[in-house]
Amino acid sequence: MGVLIGVCLVLLGIASLFIGVSDVSPAALLEGGTDGTAAFLLAASRVPRTVAVLLVGASLGIAGLILQMLVRNKFVEPGTTGVTEFATLGMLVTIVLWPGMAVMGKMGVAAAFGLVGTWVFLRVVRAVPVRQLVLVPLVGIMLGGIVGAVTAFFAYRLDLLQSLGQWSQGSFATIMAGRYEYVWIAGVMVIVAWIAADRFSVIGLGEEFATNLGLDYRRVVAIGMVVVAVITAAVLVTAGMIPFLGLVVPNIVSLIIGDNVRRSIPWVAGLGALFVLACDIVARTVRFPYEIPLSVIVGIVGAGLFLWLLLRKGSRAH
């Protein structure tokens, strides 16, 4: 299975380099030319876009996996816990108060707001007794709905809905060299998650169990919150919101190999990258030469998989 994912990633990655309105085919690259347009487009647009797609898919899948360990619930991810909405609120704050702030600064503010959102969600889940696991994401969706409504209200009052829209709709159409590098920070967070993988597996068994094993539960939770917040912010400033990815990919991997985080991380990263890459290719070709926002394709497929997971686990989710 791992070999199949790797082969599909290579094949779709190569295909992604040559899909687009401009002619960047192997023949055009071999012919060259005085201006070298094909080679320039390949280096400036197609390669950065493909790399960004792979990094976003891998990192968002890991963010969902870590968040599920923190909450001990298989039906949560940044988009169903309010984390993404808090990060979007942070983006609005930077647009209003510091409109000229660099992208790195915006990502830092969004990460800080995402960190607050993760903390608020964890506090709400602990304070509100939820008897069924399938109801936990509903609490997160309600929290995200409230924050999203507040964000939309102020954006409307300040005539910033259009500016906010570019961050809230997932798409890689504007990715070019110099415009995607911040997503490498999300890749660094994947490495952090790999280093702390065994600790995340332990805290997934509960605070009391982790404490009895001598683990600093609060410290590990704090690390997980930072990983989730930074990945969410890096993806938001690079490509916008991409729903359901962090939910369905870890669950599919869990069905195949179980819940060991260290063993799951390569699978989640690979399958997440493959899922986003395939959806991106569909978004670019289904109405060629026009491009559908990636979040639309991912939302449709992800929502269907989410419903399947709910129906499959609903009778056992207690």
C-alpha atoms as a PDB file:
ATOM      1  CA  MET A   1       0.000   0.000   0.000  1.00  0.00           C
ATOM      2  CA  GLY A   2       2.794   2.408   0.861  1.00  0.00           C
ATOM      3  CA  VAL A   3       4.515   1.625  -2.454  1.00  0.00           C
ATOM      4  CA  LEU A   4       1.255   2.289  -4.313  1.00  0.00           C
ATOM      5  CA  ILE A   5       0.877   5.692  -2.611  1.00  0.00           C
ATOM      6  CA  GLY A   6       4.474   6.551  -3.512  1.00  0.00           C
ATOM      7  CA  VAL A   7       4.053   5.541  -7.155  1.00  0.00           C
ATOM      8  CA  CYS A   8       0.795   7.511  -7.461  1.00  0.00           C
ATOM      9  CA  LEU A   9       2.466  10.570  -5.908  1.00  0.00           C
ATOM     10  CA  VAL A  10       5.295  10.440  -8.442  1.00  0.00           C
ATOM     11  CA  LEU A  11       2.967   9.951 -11.421  1.00  0.00           C
ATOM     12  CA  LEU A  12       0.478  12.648 -10.393  1.00  0.00           C
ATOM     13  CA  GLY A  13       3.315  14.981  -9.408  1.00  0.00           C
ATOM     14  CA  ILE A  14       4.837  14.692 -12.880  1.00  0.00           C
ATOM     15  CA  ALA A  15       1.405  15.172 -14.474  1.00  0.00           C
ATOM     16  CA  SER A  16       0.794  18.277 -12.345  1.00  0.00           C
ATOM     17  CA  LEU A  17       3.912  19.920 -13.797  1.00  0.00           C
ATOM     18  CA  PHE A  18       2.482  19.803 -17.322  1.00  0.00           C
ATOM     19  CA  ILE A  19      -1.177  20.668 -16.678  1.00  0.00           C
ATOM     20  CA  GLY A  20      -2.162  24.259 -17.369  1.00  0.00           C
ATOM     21  CA  VAL A  21      -3.247  26.776 -19.979  1.00  0.00           C
ATOM     22  CA  SER A  22       0.293  27.652 -21.084  1.00  0.00           C
ATOM     23  CA  ASP A  23       2.258  25.056 -23.025  1.00  0.00           C
ATOM     24  CA  VAL A  24       4.810  23.556 -20.653  1.00  0.00           C
ATOM     25  CA  SER A  25       4.948  20.149 -22.286  1.00  0.00           C
ATOM     26  CA  PRO A  26       8.130  18.062 -22.480  1.00  0.00           C
ATOM     27  CA  ALA A  27       8.320  18.904 -26.196  1.00  0.00           C
ATOM     28  CA  ALA A  28       8.197  22.640 -25.465  1.00  0.00           C
ATOM     29  CA  LEU A  29      10.925  22.266 -22.839  1.00  0.00           C
ATOM     30  CA  LEU A  30      13.172  20.331 -25.260  1.00  0.00           C
ATOM     31  CA  GLU A  31      12.633  22.809 -28.066  1.00  0.00           C
ATOM     32  CA  GLY A  32      13.597  25.657 -25.766  1.00  0.00           C
ATOM     33  CA  GLY A  33      13.616  28.927 -27.653  1.00  0.00           C
ATOM     34  CA  THR A  34      15.129  32.344 -27.406  1.00  0.00           C
ATOM     35  CA  ASP A  35      12.991  33.419 -24.471  1.00  0.00           C
ATOM     36  CA  GLY A  36      12.793  30.065 -22.674  1.00  0.00           C
ATOM     37  CA  THR A  37       9.154  30.685 -21.688  1.00  0.00           C
ATOM     38  CA  ALA A  38       8.318  27.044 -20.998  1.00  0.00           C
ATOM     39  CA  ALA A  39      11.317  26.538 -18.704  1.00  0.00           C
ATOM     40  CA  PHE A  40      10.569  29.809 -16.902  1.00  0.00           C
ATOM     41  CA  LEU A  41       6.920  28.837 -16.289  1.00  0.00           C
ATOM     42  CA  LEU A  42       7.992  25.405 -15.079  1.00  0.00           C
ATOM     43  CA  ALA A  43      10.428  26.863 -12.536  1.00  0.00           C
ATOM     44  CA  ALA A  44       8.364  29.876 -11.489  1.00  0.00           C
ATOM     45  CA  SER A  45       4.863  28.373 -11.376  1.00  0.00           C
ATOM     46  CA  ARG A  46       4.404  24.652 -11.957  1.00  0.00           C
ATOM     47  CA  VAL A  47       7.136  23.328  -9.636  1.00  0.00           C
ATOM     48  CA  PRO A  48       6.257  25.709  -6.740  1.00  0.00           C
ATOM     49  CA  ARG A  49       2.580  24.846  -7.110  1.00  0.00           C
ATOM     50  CA  THR A  50       3.194  21.103  -7.053  1.00  0.00           C
ATOM     51  CA  VAL A  51       5.530  21.379  -4.053  1.00  0.00           C
ATOM     52  CA  ALA A  52       3.012  23.576  -2.199  1.00  0.00           C
ATOM     53  CA  VAL A  53       0.197  21.099  -2.898  1.00  0.00           C
ATOM     54  CA  LEU A  54       2.259  18.211  -1.513  1.00  0.00           C
ATOM     55  CA  LEU A  55       3.330  20.126   1.602  1.00  0.00           C
ATOM     56  CA  VAL A  56      -0.188  21.385   2.326  1.00  0.00           C
ATOM     57  CA  GLY A  57      -1.722  17.939   1.932  1.00  0.00           C
ATOM     58  CA  ALA A  58       0.887  16.249   4.116  1.00  0.00           C
ATOM     59  CA  SER A  59       0.896  18.894   6.866  1.00  0.00           C
ATOM     60  CA  LEU A  60      -2.889  19.283   7.120  1.00  0.00           C
ATOM     61  CA  GLY A  61      -3.270  15.528   7.431  1.00  0.00           C
ATOM     62  CA  ILE A  62      -0.730  15.540  10.288  1.00  0.00           C
ATOM     63  CA  ALA A  63      -2.499  18.486  11.963  1.00  0.00           C
ATOM     64  CA  GLY A  64      -5.739  16.497  11.937  1.00  0.00           C
ATOM     65  CA  LEU A  65      -3.998  13.421  13.332  1.00  0.00           C
ATOM     66  CA  ILE A  66      -2.412  15.369  16.220  1.00  0.00           C
ATOM     67  CA  LEU A  67      -5.663  17.172  17.037  1.00  0.00           C
ATOM     68  CA  GLN A  68      -7.502  13.850  17.162  1.00  0.00           C
ATOM     69  CA  MET A  69      -4.938  12.604  19.684  1.00  0.00           C
ATOM     70  CA  LEU A  70      -5.322  15.743  21.812  1.00  0.00           C
ATOM     71  CA  VAL A  71      -9.117  15.526  21.890  1.00  0.00           C
ATOM     72  CA  ARG A  72      -9.236  11.712  21.830  1.00  0.00           C
ATOM     73  CA  ASN A  73     -11.868  11.897  19.110  1.00  0.00           C
ATOM     74  CA  LYS A  74     -11.688  10.665  15.520  1.00  0.00           C
ATOM     75  CA  PHE A  75     -14.143  13.241  14.166  1.00  0.00           C
ATOM     76  CA  VAL A  76     -12.181  16.463  14.671  1.00  0.00           C
ATOM     77  CA  GLU A  77      -9.754  18.470  12.564  1.00  0.00           C
ATOM     78  CA  PRO A  78      -8.853  22.194  12.383  1.00  0.00           C
ATOM     79  CA  GLY A  79     -11.918  22.912  10.243  1.00  0.00           C
ATOM     80  CA  THR A  80     -14.365  21.255  12.646  1.00  0.00           C
ATOM     81  CA  THR A  81     -12.963  22.681  15.879  1.00  0.00           C
ATOM     82  CA  GLY A  82     -12.976  26.401  15.128  1.00  0.00           C
ATOM     83  CA  VAL A  83      -9.177  26.602  14.772  1.00  0.00           C
ATOM     84  CA  THR A  84      -9.361  27.668  11.125  1.00  0.00           C
ATOM     85  CA  GLU A  85     -12.013  30.288  11.896  1.00  0.00           C
ATOM     86  CA  PHE A  86      -9.905  31.734  14.723  1.00  0.00           C
ATOM     87  CA  ALA A  87      -6.905  31.915  12.356  1.00  0.00           C
ATOM     88  CA  THR A  88      -9.082  33.690   9.781  1.00  0.00           C
ATOM     89  CA  LEU A  89     -10.127  36.179  12.458  1.00  0.00           C
ATOM     90  CA  GLY A  90      -6.431  36.782  13.070  1.00  0.00           C
ATOM     91  CA  MET A  91      -5.979  37.499   9.361  1.00  0.00           C
ATOM     92  CA  LEU A  92      -8.799  40.050   9.515  1.00  0.00           C
ATOM     93  CA  VAL A  93      -7.164  41.736  12.507  1.00  0.00           C
ATOM     94  CA  THR A  94      -3.908  42.130  10.554  1.00  0.00           C
ATOM     95  CA  ILE A  95      -5.769  43.517   7.522  1.00  0.00           C
ATOM     96  CA  VAL A  96      -7.507  46.119   9.696  1.00  0.00           C
ATOM     97  CA  LEU A  97      -4.729  47.114  12.105  1.00  0.00           C
ATOM     98  CA  TRP A  98      -1.566  46.403  10.073  1.00  0.00           C
ATOM     99  CA  PRO A  99      -2.525  46.341   6.367  1.00  0.00           C
ATOM    100  CA  GLY A 100       1.097  46.535   5.250  1.00  0.00           C
ATOM    101  CA  MET A 101       2.338  43.698   7.440  1.00  0.00           C
ATOM    102  CA  ALA A 102       4.582  41.117   5.771  1.00  0.00           C
ATOM    103  CA  VAL A 103       3.207  37.652   5.092  1.00  0.00           C
ATOM    104  CA  MET A 104       5.384  36.168   7.849  1.00  0.00           C
ATOM    105  CA  GLY A 105       3.844  38.582  10.341  1.00  0.00           C
ATOM    106  CA  LYS A 106       0.345  37.722   9.169  1.00  0.00           C
ATOM    107  CA  MET A 107       1.117  34.039   9.562  1.00  0.00           C
ATOM    108  CA  GLY A 108       2.401  34.667  13.092  1.00  0.00           C
ATOM    109  CA  VAL A 109      -0.785  36.502  14.085  1.00  0.00           C
ATOM    110  CA  ALA A 110      -2.952  33.816  12.469  1.00  0.00           C
ATOM    111  CA  ALA A 111      -0.975  31.116  14.329  1.00  0.00           C
ATOM    112  CA  ALA A 112      -1.486  32.961  17.629  1.00  0.00           C
ATOM    113  CA  PHE A 113      -5.231  33.186  17.026  1.00  0.00           C
ATOM    114  CA  GLY A 114      -5.290  29.525  15.952  1.00  0.00           C
ATOM    115  CA  LEU A 115      -3.511  28.603  19.184  1.00  0.00           C
ATOM    116  CA  VAL A 116      -6.170  30.470  21.151  1.00  0.00           C
ATOM    117  CA  GLY A 117      -8.849  28.681  19.133  1.00  0.00           C
ATOM    118  CA  THR A 118      -7.354  25.278  19.939  1.00  0.00           C
ATOM    119  CA  TRP A 119      -7.224  26.142  23.643  1.00  0.00           C
ATOM    120  CA  VAL A 120     -10.832  27.426  23.647  1.00  0.00           C
ATOM    121  CA  PHE A 121     -12.079  24.281  21.921  1.00  0.00           C
ATOM    122  CA  LEU A 122     -10.290  21.994  24.370  1.00  0.00           C
ATOM    123  CA  ARG A 123     -11.706  23.980  27.295  1.00  0.00           C
ATOM    124  CA  VAL A 124     -15.245  23.865  25.876  1.00  0.00           C
ATOM    125  CA  VAL A 125     -15.048  20.111  25.261  1.00  0.00           C
ATOM    126  CA  ARG A 126     -13.886  19.557  28.838  1.00  0.00           C
ATOM    127  CA  ALA A 127     -16.555  21.850  30.304  1.00  0.00           C
ATOM    128  CA  VAL A 128     -19.473  20.480  28.284  1.00  0.00           C
ATOM    129  CA  PRO A 129     -20.203  16.798  28.954  1.00  0.00           C
ATOM    130  CA  VAL A 130     -20.563  15.073  25.594  1.00  0.00           C
ATOM    131  CA  ARG A 131     -21.825  11.502  25.776  1.00  0.00           C
ATOM    132  CA  GLN A 132     -21.409  10.660  22.102  1.00  0.00           C
ATOM    133  CA  LEU A 133     -18.131  11.155  20.255  1.00  0.00           C
ATOM    134  CA  VAL A 134     -19.937  12.163  17.071  1.00  0.00           C
ATOM    135  CA  LEU A 135     -21.277  15.245  18.875  1.00  0.00           C
ATOM    136  CA  VAL A 136     -17.806  16.642  19.647  1.00  0.00           C
ATOM    137  CA  PRO A 137     -17.217  17.991  16.109  1.00  0.00           C
ATOM    138  CA  LEU A 138     -20.685  19.556  16.233  1.00  0.00           C
ATOM    139  CA  VAL A 139     -19.530  21.556  19.264  1.00  0.00           C
ATOM    140  CA  GLY A 140     -16.470  22.632  17.269  1.00  0.00           C
ATOM    141  CA  ILE A 141     -18.556  23.515  14.222  1.00  0.00           C
ATOM    142  CA  MET A 142     -20.841  25.648  16.404  1.00  0.00           C
ATOM    143  CA  LEU A 143     -17.801  27.387  17.917  1.00  0.00           C
ATOM    144  CA  GLY A 144     -16.340  27.949  14.466  1.00  0.00           C
ATOM    145  CA  GLY A 145     -19.704  29.216  13.220  1.00  0.00           C
ATOM    146  CA  ILE A 146     -19.826  31.835  15.957  1.00  0.00           C
ATOM    147  CA  VAL A 147     -16.276  33.023  15.293  1.00  0.00           C
ATOM    148  CA  GLY A 148     -16.858  32.929  11.539  1.00  0.00           C
ATOM    149  CA  ALA A 149     -20.021  35.006  11.889  1.00  0.00           C
ATOM    150  CA  VAL A 150     -18.201  37.615  13.986  1.00  0.00           C
ATOM    151  CA  THR A 151     -15.402  37.732  11.404  1.00  0.00           C
ATOM    152  CA  ALA A 152     -17.839  38.097   8.505  1.00  0.00           C
ATOM    153  CA  PHE A 153     -19.781  40.823  10.344  1.00  0.00           C
ATOM    154  CA  PHE A 154     -16.744  43.008  10.930  1.00  0.00           C
ATOM    155  CA  ALA A 155     -15.430  42.307   7.428  1.00  0.00           C
ATOM    156  CA  TYR A 156     -18.783  43.438   6.012  1.00  0.00           C
ATOM    157  CA  ARG A 157     -18.894  46.560   8.180  1.00  0.00           C
ATOM    158  CA  LEU A 158     -15.351  47.476   7.152  1.00  0.00           C
ATOM    159  CA  ASP A 159     -15.911  46.578   3.476  1.00  0.00           C
ATOM    160  CA  LEU A 160     -13.257  43.871   3.632  1.00  0.00           C
ATOM    161  CA  LEU A 161     -15.263  40.819   2.567  1.00  0.00           C
ATOM    162  CA  GLN A 162     -13.467  40.618  -0.760  1.00  0.00           C
ATOM    163  CA  SER A 163     -10.047  40.866   0.875  1.00  0.00           C
ATOM    164  CA  LEU A 164     -10.997  38.205   3.402  1.00  0.00           C
ATOM    165  CA  GLY A 165     -12.404  35.985   0.667  1.00  0.00           C
ATOM    166  CA  GLN A 166      -8.990  35.264  -0.833  1.00  0.00           C
ATOM    167  CA  TRP A 167      -7.929  33.660   2.463  1.00  0.00           C
ATOM    168  CA  SER A 168     -11.148  31.759   3.132  1.00  0.00           C
ATOM    169  CA  GLN A 169     -11.359  29.978  -0.236  1.00  0.00           C
ATOM    170  CA  GLY A 170      -8.752  27.309  -0.814  1.00  0.00           C
ATOM    171  CA  SER A 171      -6.895  27.560  -4.117  1.00  0.00           C
ATOM    172  CA  PHE A 172      -3.367  27.188  -5.481  1.00  0.00           C
ATOM    173  CA  ALA A 173      -4.028  29.306  -8.571  1.00  0.00           C
ATOM    174  CA  THR A 174      -1.844  32.183  -7.366  1.00  0.00           C
ATOM    175  CA  ILE A 175       1.089  30.067  -6.167  1.00  0.00           C
ATOM    176  CA  MET A 176       4.411  31.101  -7.694  1.00  0.00           C
ATOM    177  CA  ALA A 177       8.047  31.194  -6.650  1.00  0.00           C
ATOM    178  CA  GLY A 178       8.294  33.637  -3.752  1.00  0.00           C
ATOM    179  CA  ARG A 179       4.652  33.109  -2.825  1.00  0.00           C
ATOM    180  CA  TYR A 180       4.660  29.604  -1.351  1.00  0.00           C
ATOM    181  CA  GLU A 181       7.837  29.303   0.745  1.00  0.00           C
ATOM    182  CA  TYR A 182       6.065  29.873   4.059  1.00  0.00           C
ATOM    183  CA  VAL A 183       4.357  26.504   3.746  1.00  0.00           C
ATOM    184  CA  TRP A 184       7.780  24.934   4.394  1.00  0.00           C
ATOM    185  CA  ILE A 185       7.221  25.991   8.010  1.00  0.00           C
ATOM    186  CA  ALA A 186       4.293  23.561   8.043  1.00  0.00           C
ATOM    187  CA  GLY A 187       6.741  20.921   6.831  1.00  0.00           C
ATOM    188  CA  VAL A 188       8.980  21.698   9.809  1.00  0.00           C
ATOM    189  CA  MET A 189       5.981  21.151  12.101  1.00  0.00           C
ATOM    190  CA  VAL A 190       5.522  17.704  10.544  1.00  0.00           C
ATOM    191  CA  ILE A 191       9.083  16.890  11.636  1.00  0.00           C
ATOM    192  CA  VAL A 192       8.279  18.151  15.152  1.00  0.00           C
ATOM    193  CA  ALA A 193       5.207  15.893  15.186  1.00  0.00           C
ATOM    194  CA  TRP A 194       7.394  12.954  14.120  1.00  0.00           C
ATOM    195  CA  ILE A 195       9.868  13.617  16.934  1.00  0.00           C
ATOM    196  CA  ALA A 196       7.076  13.754  19.538  1.00  0.00           C
ATOM    197  CA  ALA A 197       5.001  10.987  17.929  1.00  0.00           C
ATOM    198  CA  ASP A 198       5.319   8.475  20.778  1.00  0.00           C
ATOM    199  CA  ARG A 199       4.226  11.099  23.320  1.00  0.00           C
ATOM    200  CA  PHE A 200       1.154  11.921  21.231  1.00  0.00           C
ATOM    201  CA  SER A 201       0.282   8.218  21.145  1.00  0.00           C
ATOM    202  CA  VAL A 202       0.433   8.099  24.956  1.00  0.00           C
ATOM    203  CA  ILE A 203      -1.698  11.197  25.581  1.00  0.00           C
ATOM    204  CA  GLY A 204      -4.253   9.710  23.207  1.00  0.00           C
ATOM    205  CA  LEU A 205      -4.866   7.136  25.956  1.00  0.00           C
ATOM    206  CA  GLY A 206      -5.917   9.815  28.459  1.00  0.00           C
ATOM    207  CA  GLU A 207      -4.403  12.284  30.923  1.00  0.00           C
ATOM    208  CA  GLU A 208      -4.398   9.897  33.876  1.00  0.00           C
ATOM    209  CA  PHE A 209      -2.707   7.101  31.944  1.00  0.00           C
ATOM    210  CA  ALA A 210      -0.078   9.479  30.513  1.00  0.00           C
ATOM    211  CA  THR A 211       0.651  10.981  33.934  1.00  0.00           C
ATOM    212  CA  ASN A 212       1.051   7.516  35.492  1.00  0.00           C
ATOM    213  CA  LEU A 213       3.703   6.782  32.876  1.00  0.00           C
ATOM    214  CA  GLY A 214       5.624   9.897  33.961  1.00  0.00           C
ATOM    215  CA  LEU A 215       4.715  11.992  30.920  1.00  0.00           C
ATOM    216  CA  ASP A 216       4.247  15.757  31.272  1.00  0.00           C
ATOM    217  CA  TYR A 217       0.725  15.807  29.863  1.00  0.00           C
ATOM    218  CA  ARG A 218       0.305  19.586  29.716  1.00  0.00           C
ATOM    219  CA  ARG A 219       3.629  20.071  27.970  1.00  0.00           C
ATOM    220  CA  VAL A 220       2.837  17.518  25.264  1.00  0.00           C
ATOM    221  CA  VAL A 221      -0.617  19.058  24.752  1.00  0.00           C
ATOM    222  CA  ALA A 222       1.025  22.486  24.404  1.00  0.00           C
ATOM    223  CA  ILE A 223       3.398  21.127  21.760  1.00  0.00           C
ATOM    224  CA  GLY A 224       0.475  19.601  19.894  1.00  0.00           C
ATOM    225  CA  MET A 225      -1.464  22.867  20.032  1.00  0.00           C
ATOM    226  CA  VAL A 226       1.499  24.775  18.589  1.00  0.00           C
ATOM    227  CA  VAL A 227       1.936  22.208  15.790  1.00  0.00           C
ATOM    228  CA  VAL A 228      -1.744  22.417  14.820  1.00  0.00           C
ATOM    229  CA  ALA A 229      -1.885  26.228  15.027  1.00  0.00           C
ATOM    230  CA  VAL A 230       1.280  26.840  12.981  1.00  0.00           C
ATOM    231  CA  ILE A 231       0.275  24.349  10.268  1.00  0.00           C
ATOM    232  CA  THR A 232      -3.206  25.891  10.045  1.00  0.00           C
ATOM    233  CA  ALA A 233      -1.771  29.420   9.787  1.00  0.00           C
ATOM    234  CA  ALA A 234       0.875  28.461   7.198  1.00  0.00           C
ATOM    235  CA  VAL A 235      -1.727  26.756   5.008  1.00  0.00           C
ATOM    236  CA  LEU A 236      -4.181  29.634   5.434  1.00  0.00           C
ATOM    237  CA  VAL A 237      -1.759  32.333   4.255  1.00  0.00           C
ATOM    238  CA  THR A 238      -0.530  30.140   1.385  1.00  0.00           C
ATOM    239  CA  ALA A 239      -3.634  28.485  -0.045  1.00  0.00           C
ATOM    240  CA  GLY A 240      -6.625  29.419   2.124  1.00  0.00           C
ATOM    241  CA  MET A 241      -9.076  27.077   3.844  1.00  0.00           C
ATOM    242  CA  ILE A 242      -9.109  23.425   2.773  1.00  0.00           C
ATOM    243  CA  PRO A 243     -11.914  21.516   4.552  1.00  0.00           C
ATOM    244  CA  PHE A 244     -12.169  17.909   5.771  1.00  0.00           C
ATOM    245  CA  LEU A 245      -8.639  16.870   4.780  1.00  0.00           C
ATOM    246  CA  GLY A 246      -7.373  16.571   8.355  1.00  0.00           C
ATOM    247  CA  LEU A 247     -10.432  14.526   9.252  1.00  0.00           C
ATOM    248  CA  VAL A 248     -10.795  11.871   6.564  1.00  0.00           C
ATOM    249  CA  VAL A 249      -7.122  11.060   5.861  1.00  0.00           C
ATOM    250  CA  PRO A 250      -6.127  10.088   9.460  1.00  0.00           C
ATOM    251  CA  ASN A 251      -9.307   8.030   9.779  1.00  0.00           C
ATOM    252  CA  ILE A 252      -8.610   6.110   6.576  1.00  0.00           C
ATOM    253  CA  VAL A 253      -5.037   5.445   7.732  1.00  0.00           C
ATOM    254  CA  SER A 254      -6.345   4.366  11.149  1.00  0.00           C
ATOM    255  CA  LEU A 255      -8.596   1.793   9.478  1.00  0.00           C
ATOM    256  CA  ILE A 256      -5.575   0.372   7.635  1.00  0.00           C
ATOM    257  CA  ILE A 257      -2.749   0.333  10.201  1.00  0.00           C
ATOM    258  CA  GLY A 258      -4.199   1.356  13.577  1.00  0.00           C
ATOM    259  CA  ASP A 259      -3.625   4.318  15.911  1.00  0.00           C
ATOM    260  CA  ASN A 260       0.136   4.314  16.521  1.00  0.00           C
ATOM    261  CA  VAL A 261       1.111   7.927  15.723  1.00  0.00           C
ATOM    262  CA  ARG A 262       4.726   7.248  14.755  1.00  0.00           C
ATOM    263  CA  ARG A 263       3.686   4.530  12.360  1.00  0.00           C
ATOM    264  CA  SER A 264       0.778   6.580  11.035  1.00  0.00           C
ATOM    265  CA  ILE A 265       2.624   9.841  10.271  1.00  0.00           C
ATOM    266  CA  PRO A 266       4.303   8.706   7.003  1.00  0.00           C
ATOM    267  CA  TRP A 267       1.029   7.178   5.813  1.00  0.00           C
ATOM    268  CA  VAL A 268      -1.031  10.237   6.727  1.00  0.00           C
ATOM    269  CA  ALA A 269       1.485  12.576   5.098  1.00  0.00           C
ATOM    270  CA  GLY A 270       1.651  10.514   1.919  1.00  0.00           C
ATOM    271  CA  LEU A 271      -2.093   9.931   1.596  1.00  0.00           C
ATOM    272  CA  GLY A 272      -2.874  13.561   2.459  1.00  0.00           C
ATOM    273  CA  ALA A 273      -0.467  14.816  -0.203  1.00  0.00           C
ATOM    274  CA  LEU A 274      -1.906  12.356  -2.740  1.00  0.00           C
ATOM    275  CA  PHE A 275      -5.491  13.362  -1.913  1.00  0.00           C
ATOM    276  CA  VAL A 276      -4.852  17.100  -2.341  1.00  0.00           C
ATOM    277  CA  LEU A 277      -2.751  16.579  -5.464  1.00  0.00           C
ATOM    278  CA  ALA A 278      -5.478  14.494  -7.107  1.00  0.00           C
ATOM    279  CA  CYS A 279      -8.165  17.047  -6.173  1.00  0.00           C
ATOM    280  CA  ASP A 280      -5.987  19.896  -7.479  1.00  0.00           C
ATOM    281  CA  ILE A 281      -5.570  18.155 -10.837  1.00  0.00           C
ATOM    282  CA  VAL A 282      -9.338  17.625 -11.028  1.00  0.00           C
ATOM    283  CA  ALA A 283      -9.929  21.303 -10.172  1.00  0.00           C
ATOM    284  CA  ARG A 284      -7.610  22.343 -13.002  1.00  0.00           C
ATOM    285  CA  THR A 285      -8.990  20.001 -15.677  1.00  0.00           C
ATOM    286  CA  VAL A 286     -12.731  19.565 -15.085  1.00  0.00           C
ATOM    287  CA  ARG A 287     -13.524  22.951 -16.698  1.00  0.00           C
ATOM    288  CA  PHE A 288     -10.308  23.512 -18.601  1.00  0.00           C
ATOM    289  CA  PRO A 289      -9.017  26.164 -19.321  1.00  0.00           C
ATOM    290  CA  TYR A 290     -10.856  27.557 -16.273  1.00  0.00           C
ATOM    291  CA  GLU A 291     -10.008  26.439 -12.739  1.00  0.00           C
ATOM    292  CA  ILE A 292     -12.406  25.496  -9.956  1.00  0.00           C
ATOM    293  CA  PRO A 293     -11.327  26.429  -6.387  1.00  0.00           C
ATOM    294  CA  LEU A 294      -9.641  23.450  -4.766  1.00  0.00           C
ATOM    295  CA  SER A 295     -11.777  23.807  -1.635  1.00  0.00           C
ATOM    296  CA  VAL A 296     -14.873  22.971  -3.721  1.00  0.00           C
ATOM    297  CA  ILE A 297     -13.463  19.640  -4.916  1.00  0.00           C
ATOM    298  CA  VAL A 298     -11.964  18.731  -1.538  1.00  0.00           C
ATOM    299  CA  GLY A 299     -15.197  19.777   0.210  1.00  0.00           C
ATOM    300  CA  ILE A 300     -17.372  17.557  -1.989  1.00  0.00           C
ATOM    301  CA  VAL A 301     -15.142  14.480  -1.708  1.00  0.00           C
ATOM    302  CA  GLY A 302     -14.283  15.115   1.942  1.00  0.00           C
ATOM    303  CA  ALA A 303     -17.896  15.636   2.973  1.00  0.00           C
ATOM    304  CA  GLY A 304     -18.873  12.355   1.340  1.00  0.00           C
ATOM    305  CA  LEU A 305     -16.072  10.507   3.126  1.00  0.00           C
ATOM    306  CA  PHE A 306     -16.985  12.220   6.411  1.00  0.00           C
ATOM    307  CA  LEU A 307     -20.589  11.037   6.119  1.00  0.00           C
ATOM    308  CA  TRP A 308     -19.359   7.526   5.361  1.00  0.00           C
ATOM    309  CA  LEU A 309     -17.182   7.590   8.473  1.00  0.00           C
ATOM    310  CA  LEU A 310     -20.090   8.834  10.577  1.00  0.00           C
ATOM    311  CA  LEU A 311     -22.433   6.146   9.279  1.00  0.00           C
ATOM    312  CA  ARG A 312     -19.756   3.490   9.654  1.00  0.00           C
ATOM    313  CA  LYS A 313     -18.773   4.454  13.211  1.00  0.00           C
ATOM    314  CA  GLY A 314     -22.027   5.968  14.380  1.00  0.00           C
ATOM    315  CA  SER A 315     -23.272   2.827  16.052  1.00  0.00           C
ATOM    316  CA  ARG A 316     -19.961   2.451  17.949  1.00  0.00           C
ATOM    317  CA  ALA A 317     -19.190   6.104  18.716  1.00  0.00           C
ATOM    318  CA  HIS A 318     -19.933   6.237  22.427  1.00  0.00           C
END
